[in-house]
Amino acid sequence: MDIQQMDFPDNSFDYVVSTCVFCSVPDPVRGLREIGRV
């Protein structure tokens, strides 16, 4: 799955973990917004 466009519904997770990930996401702000959504 792509962090920038995830298939999960809103408010799905208690925690999100990332380790050395946002150096590689093509659009990091979009990916971070998606994390905020889920």
PDB file of all heavy atoms in Angstrom:
ATOM      1  N   MET A   1       0.836  -1.183   0.000  1.00  0.00           N
ATOM      2  CA  MET A   1       0.000   0.000   0.000  1.00  0.00           C
ATOM      3  C   MET A   1       0.881   1.246   0.000  1.00  0.00           C
ATOM      4  O   MET A   1       2.009   1.217   0.491  1.00  0.00           O
ATOM      5  CB  MET A   1      -0.932   0.003   1.228  1.00  0.00           C
ATOM      6  CG  MET A   1      -2.098   0.973   1.141  1.00  0.00           C
ATOM      7  SD  MET A   1      -3.174   0.910   2.617  1.00  0.00           S
ATOM      8  CE  MET A   1      -3.758  -0.778   2.529  1.00  0.00           C
ATOM      9  N   ASP A   2       0.350   2.317  -0.544  1.00  0.00           N
ATOM     10  CA  ASP A   2       1.045   3.592  -0.632  1.00  0.00           C
ATOM     11  C   ASP A   2       0.609   4.482   0.531  1.00  0.00           C
ATOM     12  O   ASP A   2      -0.585   4.748   0.703  1.00  0.00           O
ATOM     13  CB  ASP A   2       0.692   4.239  -1.969  1.00  0.00           C
ATOM     14  CG  ASP A   2       1.353   5.586  -2.188  1.00  0.00           C
ATOM     15  OD1 ASP A   2       2.163   6.013  -1.340  1.00  0.00           O
ATOM     16  OD2 ASP A   2       1.045   6.215  -3.211  1.00  0.00           O
ATOM     17  N   ILE A   3       1.554   4.951   1.315  1.00  0.00           N
ATOM     18  CA  ILE A   3       1.258   5.835   2.443  1.00  0.00           C
ATOM     19  C   ILE A   3       0.501   7.085   1.992  1.00  0.00           C
ATOM     20  O   ILE A   3      -0.311   7.635   2.732  1.00  0.00           O
ATOM     21  CB  ILE A   3       2.568   6.251   3.153  1.00  0.00           C
ATOM     22  CG1 ILE A   3       3.219   5.040   3.813  1.00  0.00           C
ATOM     23  CG2 ILE A   3       2.323   7.346   4.183  1.00  0.00           C
ATOM     24  CD1 ILE A   3       4.612   5.340   4.334  1.00  0.00           C
ATOM     25  N   GLN A   4       0.770   7.518   0.773  1.00  0.00           N
ATOM     26  CA  GLN A   4       0.154   8.752   0.287  1.00  0.00           C
ATOM     27  C   GLN A   4      -1.325   8.602  -0.074  1.00  0.00           C
ATOM     28  O   GLN A   4      -2.029   9.588  -0.252  1.00  0.00           O
ATOM     29  CB  GLN A   4       0.915   9.250  -0.949  1.00  0.00           C
ATOM     30  CG  GLN A   4       2.384   9.512  -0.673  1.00  0.00           C
ATOM     31  CD  GLN A   4       3.192   9.520  -1.951  1.00  0.00           C
ATOM     32  OE1 GLN A   4       3.676  10.563  -2.371  1.00  0.00           O
ATOM     33  NE2 GLN A   4       3.343   8.369  -2.588  1.00  0.00           N
ATOM     34  N   GLN A   5      -1.776   7.339  -0.181  1.00  0.00           N
ATOM     35  CA  GLN A   5      -3.170   7.081  -0.567  1.00  0.00           C
ATOM     36  C   GLN A   5      -3.569   5.725   0.016  1.00  0.00           C
ATOM     37  O   GLN A   5      -3.588   4.718  -0.687  1.00  0.00           O
ATOM     38  CB  GLN A   5      -3.322   7.104  -2.089  1.00  0.00           C
ATOM     39  CG  GLN A   5      -4.758   7.085  -2.561  1.00  0.00           C
ATOM     40  CD  GLN A   5      -4.859   7.268  -4.066  1.00  0.00           C
ATOM     41  OE1 GLN A   5      -3.855   7.379  -4.762  1.00  0.00           O
ATOM     42  NE2 GLN A   5      -6.080   7.303  -4.570  1.00  0.00           N
ATOM     43  N   MET A   6      -3.917   5.717   1.287  1.00  0.00           N
ATOM     44  CA  MET A   6      -4.209   4.464   1.977  1.00  0.00           C
ATOM     45  C   MET A   6      -5.672   4.072   1.853  1.00  0.00           C
ATOM     46  O   MET A   6      -6.552   4.927   1.704  1.00  0.00           O
ATOM     47  CB  MET A   6      -3.804   4.587   3.455  1.00  0.00           C
ATOM     48  CG  MET A   6      -2.303   4.700   3.655  1.00  0.00           C
ATOM     49  SD  MET A   6      -1.779   4.675   5.388  1.00  0.00           S
ATOM     50  CE  MET A   6      -2.018   6.387   5.843  1.00  0.00           C
ATOM     51  N   ASP A   7      -5.918   2.772   1.924  1.00  0.00           N
ATOM     52  CA  ASP A   7      -7.268   2.227   1.771  1.00  0.00           C
ATOM     53  C   ASP A   7      -8.052   2.176   3.084  1.00  0.00           C
ATOM     54  O   ASP A   7      -9.211   1.766   3.080  1.00  0.00           O
ATOM     55  CB  ASP A   7      -7.200   0.801   1.200  1.00  0.00           C
ATOM     56  CG  ASP A   7      -6.604   0.771  -0.198  1.00  0.00           C
ATOM     57  OD1 ASP A   7      -6.646   1.813  -0.886  1.00  0.00           O
ATOM     58  OD2 ASP A   7      -6.089  -0.289  -0.606  1.00  0.00           O
ATOM     59  N   PHE A   8      -7.434   2.552   4.182  1.00  0.00           N
ATOM     60  CA  PHE A   8      -8.088   2.430   5.484  1.00  0.00           C
ATOM     61  C   PHE A   8      -9.112   3.545   5.698  1.00  0.00           C
ATOM     62  O   PHE A   8      -8.917   4.677   5.250  1.00  0.00           O
ATOM     63  CB  PHE A   8      -7.049   2.479   6.604  1.00  0.00           C
ATOM     64  CG  PHE A   8      -5.943   1.482   6.462  1.00  0.00           C
ATOM     65  CD1 PHE A   8      -4.634   1.910   6.253  1.00  0.00           C
ATOM     66  CD2 PHE A   8      -6.192   0.118   6.536  1.00  0.00           C
ATOM     67  CE1 PHE A   8      -3.600   1.002   6.116  1.00  0.00           C
ATOM     68  CE2 PHE A   8      -5.165  -0.801   6.401  1.00  0.00           C
ATOM     69  CZ  PHE A   8      -3.872  -0.364   6.184  1.00  0.00           C
ATOM     70  N   PRO A   9     -10.177   3.254   6.445  1.00  0.00           N
ATOM     71  CA  PRO A   9     -11.142   4.312   6.795  1.00  0.00           C
ATOM     72  C   PRO A   9     -10.514   5.340   7.729  1.00  0.00           C
ATOM     73  O   PRO A   9      -9.478   5.103   8.351  1.00  0.00           O
ATOM     74  CB  PRO A   9     -12.266   3.536   7.515  1.00  0.00           C
ATOM     75  CG  PRO A   9     -12.065   2.105   7.177  1.00  0.00           C
ATOM     76  CD  PRO A   9     -10.599   1.928   6.937  1.00  0.00           C
ATOM     77  N   ASP A  10     -11.158   6.486   7.838  1.00  0.00           N
ATOM     78  CA  ASP A  10     -10.744   7.498   8.803  1.00  0.00           C
ATOM     79  C   ASP A  10     -10.751   6.906  10.216  1.00  0.00           C
ATOM     80  O   ASP A  10     -11.546   6.016  10.527  1.00  0.00           O
ATOM     81  CB  ASP A  10     -11.705   8.689   8.776  1.00  0.00           C
ATOM     82  CG  ASP A  10     -11.683   9.436   7.451  1.00  0.00           C
ATOM     83  OD1 ASP A  10     -10.891   9.074   6.574  1.00  0.00           O
ATOM     84  OD2 ASP A  10     -12.479  10.388   7.311  1.00  0.00           O
ATOM     85  N   ASN A  11      -9.859   7.416  11.070  1.00  0.00           N
ATOM     86  CA  ASN A  11      -9.855   7.077  12.507  1.00  0.00           C
ATOM     87  C   ASN A  11      -9.725   5.577  12.753  1.00  0.00           C
ATOM     88  O   ASN A  11     -10.426   5.006  13.585  1.00  0.00           O
ATOM     89  CB  ASN A  11     -11.141   7.599  13.180  1.00  0.00           C
ATOM     90  CG  ASN A  11     -11.384   9.066  12.921  1.00  0.00           C
ATOM     91  OD1 ASN A  11     -10.442   9.861  12.836  1.00  0.00           O
ATOM     92  ND2 ASN A  11     -12.641   9.436  12.763  1.00  0.00           N
ATOM     93  N   SER A  12      -8.791   4.933  12.046  1.00  0.00           N
ATOM     94  CA  SER A  12      -8.642   3.474  12.139  1.00  0.00           C
ATOM     95  C   SER A  12      -7.637   3.020  13.191  1.00  0.00           C
ATOM     96  O   SER A  12      -7.744   1.904  13.692  1.00  0.00           O
ATOM     97  CB  SER A  12      -8.212   2.902  10.776  1.00  0.00           C
ATOM     98  OG  SER A  12      -9.218   3.032   9.816  1.00  0.00           O
ATOM     99  N   PHE A  13      -6.633   3.851  13.515  1.00  0.00           N
ATOM    100  CA  PHE A  13      -5.497   3.368  14.297  1.00  0.00           C
ATOM    101  C   PHE A  13      -5.249   4.216  15.548  1.00  0.00           C
ATOM    102  O   PHE A  13      -5.400   5.432  15.533  1.00  0.00           O
ATOM    103  CB  PHE A  13      -4.233   3.355  13.436  1.00  0.00           C
ATOM    104  CG  PHE A  13      -4.311   2.411  12.269  1.00  0.00           C
ATOM    105  CD1 PHE A  13      -4.649   2.885  11.006  1.00  0.00           C
ATOM    106  CD2 PHE A  13      -4.075   1.069  12.442  1.00  0.00           C
ATOM    107  CE1 PHE A  13      -4.743   2.022   9.929  1.00  0.00           C
ATOM    108  CE2 PHE A  13      -4.163   0.191  11.368  1.00  0.00           C
ATOM    109  CZ  PHE A  13      -4.496   0.669  10.113  1.00  0.00           C
ATOM    110  N   ASP A  14      -4.830   3.515  16.614  1.00  0.00           N
ATOM    111  CA  ASP A  14      -4.435   4.186  17.848  1.00  0.00           C
ATOM    112  C   ASP A  14      -3.038   4.788  17.730  1.00  0.00           C
ATOM    113  O   ASP A  14      -2.751   5.841  18.313  1.00  0.00           O
ATOM    114  CB  ASP A  14      -4.463   3.189  19.009  1.00  0.00           C
ATOM    115  CG  ASP A  14      -5.841   2.595  19.213  1.00  0.00           C
ATOM    116  OD1 ASP A  14      -6.737   3.336  19.645  1.00  0.00           O
ATOM    117  OD2 ASP A  14      -6.022   1.389  18.938  1.00  0.00           O
ATOM    118  N   TYR A  15      -2.172   4.094  17.002  1.00  0.00           N
ATOM    119  CA  TYR A  15      -0.795   4.545  16.804  1.00  0.00           C
ATOM    120  C   TYR A  15      -0.383   4.295  15.352  1.00  0.00           C
ATOM    121  O   TYR A  15      -0.828   3.324  14.730  1.00  0.00           O
ATOM    122  CB  TYR A  15       0.195   3.778  17.699  1.00  0.00           C
ATOM    123  CG  TYR A  15       0.057   4.047  19.163  1.00  0.00           C
ATOM    124  CD1 TYR A  15      -0.791   3.267  19.955  1.00  0.00           C
ATOM    125  CD2 TYR A  15       0.788   5.059  19.786  1.00  0.00           C
ATOM    126  CE1 TYR A  15      -0.915   3.505  21.322  1.00  0.00           C
ATOM    127  CE2 TYR A  15       0.673   5.304  21.140  1.00  0.00           C
ATOM    128  CZ  TYR A  15      -0.177   4.516  21.900  1.00  0.00           C
ATOM    129  OH  TYR A  15      -0.298   4.762  23.255  1.00  0.00           O
ATOM    130  N   VAL A  16       0.485   5.164  14.855  1.00  0.00           N
ATOM    131  CA  VAL A  16       1.208   4.918  13.612  1.00  0.00           C
ATOM    132  C   VAL A  16       2.692   5.016  13.919  1.00  0.00           C
ATOM    133  O   VAL A  16       3.116   5.915  14.654  1.00  0.00           O
ATOM    134  CB  VAL A  16       0.825   5.928  12.509  1.00  0.00           C
ATOM    135  CG1 VAL A  16       1.656   5.682  11.251  1.00  0.00           C
ATOM    136  CG2 VAL A  16      -0.666   5.838  12.181  1.00  0.00           C
ATOM    137  N   VAL A  17       3.468   4.085  13.380  1.00  0.00           N
ATOM    138  CA  VAL A  17       4.915   4.050  13.592  1.00  0.00           C
ATOM    139  C   VAL A  17       5.607   4.206  12.241  1.00  0.00           C
ATOM    140  O   VAL A  17       5.200   3.584  11.248  1.00  0.00           O
ATOM    141  CB  VAL A  17       5.341   2.718  14.242  1.00  0.00           C
ATOM    142  CG1 VAL A  17       6.866   2.614  14.327  1.00  0.00           C
ATOM    143  CG2 VAL A  17       4.715   2.578  15.632  1.00  0.00           C
ATOM    144  N   SER A  18       6.638   5.045  12.198  1.00  0.00           N
ATOM    145  CA  SER A  18       7.461   5.136  10.985  1.00  0.00           C
ATOM    146  C   SER A  18       8.921   5.266  11.387  1.00  0.00           C
ATOM    147  O   SER A  18       9.249   6.021  12.297  1.00  0.00           O
ATOM    148  CB  SER A  18       7.034   6.318  10.109  1.00  0.00           C
ATOM    149  OG  SER A  18       7.481   7.546  10.641  1.00  0.00           O
ATOM    150  N   THR A  19       9.777   4.520  10.707  1.00  0.00           N
ATOM    151  CA  THR A  19      11.216   4.585  10.977  1.00  0.00           C
ATOM    152  C   THR A  19      11.955   4.753   9.649  1.00  0.00           C
ATOM    153  O   THR A  19      11.953   3.858   8.815  1.00  0.00           O
ATOM    154  CB  THR A  19      11.716   3.332  11.719  1.00  0.00           C
ATOM    155  OG1 THR A  19      11.321   2.160  11.017  1.00  0.00           O
ATOM    156  CG2 THR A  19      11.138   3.271  13.128  1.00  0.00           C
ATOM    157  N   CYS A  20      12.560   5.920   9.486  1.00  0.00           N
ATOM    158  CA  CYS A  20      13.290   6.268   8.255  1.00  0.00           C
ATOM    159  C   CYS A  20      12.427   6.012   7.022  1.00  0.00           C
ATOM    160  O   CYS A  20      12.828   5.289   6.104  1.00  0.00           O
ATOM    161  CB  CYS A  20      14.615   5.520   8.179  1.00  0.00           C
ATOM    162  SG  CYS A  20      15.850   6.182   9.304  1.00  0.00           S
ATOM    163  N   VAL A  21      11.246   6.589   7.027  1.00  0.00           N
ATOM    164  CA  VAL A  21      10.280   6.420   5.945  1.00  0.00           C
ATOM    165  C   VAL A  21      10.103   7.696   5.144  1.00  0.00           C
ATOM    166  O   VAL A  21      10.086   7.674   3.913  1.00  0.00           O
ATOM    167  CB  VAL A  21       8.912   5.965   6.516  1.00  0.00           C
ATOM    168  CG1 VAL A  21       7.823   6.020   5.458  1.00  0.00           C
ATOM    169  CG2 VAL A  21       9.029   4.567   7.106  1.00  0.00           C
ATOM    170  N   PHE A  22      10.004   8.837   5.816  1.00  0.00           N
ATOM    171  CA  PHE A  22       9.639  10.058   5.126  1.00  0.00           C
ATOM    172  C   PHE A  22      10.793  10.703   4.382  1.00  0.00           C
ATOM    173  O   PHE A  22      10.639  11.768   3.783  1.00  0.00           O
ATOM    174  CB  PHE A  22       8.940  11.019   6.088  1.00  0.00           C
ATOM    175  CG  PHE A  22       7.519  10.603   6.317  1.00  0.00           C
ATOM    176  CD1 PHE A  22       7.192   9.782   7.372  1.00  0.00           C
ATOM    177  CD2 PHE A  22       6.538  10.974   5.426  1.00  0.00           C
ATOM    178  CE1 PHE A  22       5.890   9.353   7.553  1.00  0.00           C
ATOM    179  CE2 PHE A  22       5.236  10.557   5.590  1.00  0.00           C
ATOM    180  CZ  PHE A  22       4.904   9.744   6.655  1.00  0.00           C
ATOM    181  N   CYS A  23      11.933  10.026   4.348  1.00  0.00           N
ATOM    182  CA  CYS A  23      13.002  10.399   3.435  1.00  0.00           C
ATOM    183  C   CYS A  23      12.701   9.893   2.022  1.00  0.00           C
ATOM    184  O   CYS A  23      13.289  10.375   1.056  1.00  0.00           O
ATOM    185  CB  CYS A  23      14.335   9.831   3.912  1.00  0.00           C
ATOM    186  SG  CYS A  23      14.325   8.036   4.102  1.00  0.00           S
ATOM    187  N   SER A  24      11.790   8.919   1.918  1.00  0.00           N
ATOM    188  CA  SER A  24      11.552   8.252   0.644  1.00  0.00           C
ATOM    189  C   SER A  24      10.175   8.514   0.046  1.00  0.00           C
ATOM    190  O   SER A  24       9.982   8.309  -1.145  1.00  0.00           O
ATOM    191  CB  SER A  24      11.722   6.733   0.820  1.00  0.00           C
ATOM    192  OG  SER A  24      12.992   6.430   1.335  1.00  0.00           O
ATOM    193  N   VAL A  25       9.217   8.923   0.849  1.00  0.00           N
ATOM    194  CA  VAL A  25       7.868   9.182   0.339  1.00  0.00           C
ATOM    195  C   VAL A  25       7.939  10.328  -0.667  1.00  0.00           C
ATOM    196  O   VAL A  25       8.444  11.410  -0.347  1.00  0.00           O
ATOM    197  CB  VAL A  25       6.914   9.546   1.501  1.00  0.00           C
ATOM    198  CG1 VAL A  25       5.523   9.873   0.955  1.00  0.00           C
ATOM    199  CG2 VAL A  25       6.845   8.402   2.505  1.00  0.00           C
ATOM    200  N   PRO A  26       7.468  10.125  -1.904  1.00  0.00           N
ATOM    201  CA  PRO A  26       7.587  11.178  -2.917  1.00  0.00           C
ATOM    202  C   PRO A  26       6.983  12.514  -2.489  1.00  0.00           C
ATOM    203  O   PRO A  26       7.577  13.563  -2.711  1.00  0.00           O
ATOM    204  CB  PRO A  26       6.838  10.583  -4.120  1.00  0.00           C
ATOM    205  CG  PRO A  26       7.028   9.112  -3.974  1.00  0.00           C
ATOM    206  CD  PRO A  26       6.968   8.862  -2.487  1.00  0.00           C
ATOM    207  N   ASP A  27       5.793  12.487  -1.872  1.00  0.00           N
ATOM    208  CA  ASP A  27       5.163  13.707  -1.373  1.00  0.00           C
ATOM    209  C   ASP A  27       4.966  13.535   0.134  1.00  0.00           C
ATOM    210  O   ASP A  27       3.927  13.032   0.581  1.00  0.00           O
ATOM    211  CB  ASP A  27       3.820  13.940  -2.069  1.00  0.00           C
ATOM    212  CG  ASP A  27       3.193  15.284  -1.711  1.00  0.00           C
ATOM    213  OD1 ASP A  27       3.536  15.843  -0.651  1.00  0.00           O
ATOM    214  OD2 ASP A  27       2.340  15.773  -2.475  1.00  0.00           O
ATOM    215  N   PRO A  28       5.954  13.917   0.941  1.00  0.00           N
ATOM    216  CA  PRO A  28       5.877  13.634   2.376  1.00  0.00           C
ATOM    217  C   PRO A  28       4.725  14.337   3.080  1.00  0.00           C
ATOM    218  O   PRO A  28       4.142  13.769   4.014  1.00  0.00           O
ATOM    219  CB  PRO A  28       7.236  14.110   2.907  1.00  0.00           C
ATOM    220  CG  PRO A  28       7.739  15.089   1.888  1.00  0.00           C
ATOM    221  CD  PRO A  28       7.211  14.605   0.578  1.00  0.00           C
ATOM    222  N   VAL A  29       4.369  15.544   2.661  1.00  0.00           N
ATOM    223  CA  VAL A  29       3.259  16.246   3.311  1.00  0.00           C
ATOM    224  C   VAL A  29       1.955  15.508   3.054  1.00  0.00           C
ATOM    225  O   VAL A  29       1.133  15.325   3.965  1.00  0.00           O
ATOM    226  CB  VAL A  29       3.177  17.707   2.824  1.00  0.00           C
ATOM    227  CG1 VAL A  29       1.945  18.391   3.384  1.00  0.00           C
ATOM    228  CG2 VAL A  29       4.438  18.472   3.236  1.00  0.00           C
ATOM    229  N   ARG A  30       1.759  15.056   1.836  1.00  0.00           N
ATOM    230  CA  ARG A  30       0.561  14.268   1.523  1.00  0.00           C
ATOM    231  C   ARG A  30       0.520  12.988   2.355  1.00  0.00           C
ATOM    232  O   ARG A  30      -0.533  12.618   2.877  1.00  0.00           O
ATOM    233  CB  ARG A  30       0.539  13.930   0.028  1.00  0.00           C
ATOM    234  CG  ARG A  30      -0.674  13.131  -0.408  1.00  0.00           C
ATOM    235  CD  ARG A  30      -0.663  12.921  -1.910  1.00  0.00           C
ATOM    236  NE  ARG A  30      -1.772  12.098  -2.345  1.00  0.00           N
ATOM    237  CZ  ARG A  30      -2.007  11.778  -3.608  1.00  0.00           C
ATOM    238  NH1 ARG A  30      -1.215  12.228  -4.567  1.00  0.00           N
ATOM    239  NH2 ARG A  30      -3.037  11.014  -3.931  1.00  0.00           N
ATOM    240  N   GLY A  31       1.665  12.312   2.480  1.00  0.00           N
ATOM    241  CA  GLY A  31       1.718  11.101   3.291  1.00  0.00           C
ATOM    242  C   GLY A  31       1.405  11.367   4.749  1.00  0.00           C
ATOM    243  O   GLY A  31       0.688  10.595   5.404  1.00  0.00           O
ATOM    244  N   LEU A  32       1.918  12.452   5.283  1.00  0.00           N
ATOM    245  CA  LEU A  32       1.654  12.807   6.682  1.00  0.00           C
ATOM    246  C   LEU A  32       0.190  13.176   6.895  1.00  0.00           C
ATOM    247  O   LEU A  32      -0.396  12.842   7.935  1.00  0.00           O
ATOM    248  CB  LEU A  32       2.572  13.952   7.103  1.00  0.00           C
ATOM    249  CG  LEU A  32       4.036  13.554   7.317  1.00  0.00           C
ATOM    250  CD1 LEU A  32       4.948  14.772   7.232  1.00  0.00           C
ATOM    251  CD2 LEU A  32       4.210  12.845   8.656  1.00  0.00           C
ATOM    252  N   ARG A  33      -0.413  13.833   5.932  1.00  0.00           N
ATOM    253  CA  ARG A  33      -1.841  14.142   6.042  1.00  0.00           C
ATOM    254  C   ARG A  33      -2.684  12.867   6.043  1.00  0.00           C
ATOM    255  O   ARG A  33      -3.675  12.765   6.763  1.00  0.00           O
ATOM    256  CB  ARG A  33      -2.265  15.065   4.902  1.00  0.00           C
ATOM    257  CG  ARG A  33      -1.793  16.501   5.084  1.00  0.00           C
ATOM    258  CD  ARG A  33      -2.139  17.359   3.891  1.00  0.00           C
ATOM    259  NE  ARG A  33      -1.706  18.742   4.093  1.00  0.00           N
ATOM    260  CZ  ARG A  33      -1.422  19.588   3.116  1.00  0.00           C
ATOM    261  NH1 ARG A  33      -1.521  19.198   1.846  1.00  0.00           N
ATOM    262  NH2 ARG A  33      -1.038  20.827   3.397  1.00  0.00           N
ATOM    263  N   GLU A  34      -2.274  11.903   5.232  1.00  0.00           N
ATOM    264  CA  GLU A  34      -2.981  10.618   5.217  1.00  0.00           C
ATOM    265  C   GLU A  34      -2.863   9.913   6.574  1.00  0.00           C
ATOM    266  O   GLU A  34      -3.827   9.313   7.059  1.00  0.00           O
ATOM    267  CB  GLU A  34      -2.408   9.714   4.121  1.00  0.00           C
ATOM    268  CG  GLU A  34      -3.113   9.789   2.798  1.00  0.00           C
ATOM    269  CD  GLU A  34      -4.517   9.198   2.859  1.00  0.00           C
ATOM    270  OE1 GLU A  34      -4.669   7.991   2.652  1.00  0.00           O
ATOM    271  OE2 GLU A  34      -5.467   9.959   3.122  1.00  0.00           O
ATOM    272  N   ILE A  35      -1.696   9.999   7.175  1.00  0.00           N
ATOM    273  CA  ILE A  35      -1.530   9.419   8.508  1.00  0.00           C
ATOM    274  C   ILE A  35      -2.453  10.111   9.500  1.00  0.00           C
ATOM    275  O   ILE A  35      -3.102   9.458  10.330  1.00  0.00           O
ATOM    276  CB  ILE A  35      -0.058   9.503   8.946  1.00  0.00           C
ATOM    277  CG1 ILE A  35       0.753   8.441   8.188  1.00  0.00           C
ATOM    278  CG2 ILE A  35       0.079   9.311  10.460  1.00  0.00           C
ATOM    279  CD1 ILE A  35       2.216   8.465   8.472  1.00  0.00           C
ATOM    280  N   GLY A  36      -2.534  11.438   9.422  1.00  0.00           N
ATOM    281  CA  GLY A  36      -3.470  12.158  10.282  1.00  0.00           C
ATOM    282  C   GLY A  36      -4.907  11.701  10.068  1.00  0.00           C
ATOM    283  O   GLY A  36      -5.691  11.623  11.019  1.00  0.00           O
ATOM    284  N   ARG A  37      -5.251  11.379   8.833  1.00  0.00           N
ATOM    285  CA  ARG A  37      -6.613  10.936   8.533  1.00  0.00           C
ATOM    286  C   ARG A  37      -6.935   9.592   9.175  1.00  0.00           C
ATOM    287  O   ARG A  37      -8.031   9.390   9.712  1.00  0.00           O
ATOM    288  CB  ARG A  37      -6.799  10.839   7.008  1.00  0.00           C
ATOM    289  CG  ARG A  37      -8.202  10.405   6.584  1.00  0.00           C
ATOM    290  CD  ARG A  37      -8.296  10.228   5.072  1.00  0.00           C
ATOM    291  NE  ARG A  37      -7.515   9.110   4.586  1.00  0.00           N
ATOM    292  CZ  ARG A  37      -7.901   7.827   4.663  1.00  0.00           C
ATOM    293  NH1 ARG A  37      -9.046   7.502   5.251  1.00  0.00           N
ATOM    294  NH2 ARG A  37      -7.130   6.876   4.156  1.00  0.00           N
ATOM    295  N   VAL A  38      -5.982   8.651   9.130  1.00  0.00           N
ATOM    296  CA  VAL A  38      -6.278   7.302   9.626  1.00  0.00           C
ATOM    297  C   VAL A  38      -6.052   7.159  11.128  1.00  0.00           C
ATOM    298  O   VAL A  38      -6.469   6.166  11.723  1.00  0.00           O
ATOM    299  CB  VAL A  38      -5.481   6.222   8.859  1.00  0.00           C
ATOM    300  CG1 VAL A  38      -5.784   6.300   7.372  1.00  0.00           C
ATOM    301  CG2 VAL A  38      -3.975   6.334   9.122  1.00  0.00           C
TER     302      VAL A  38
END
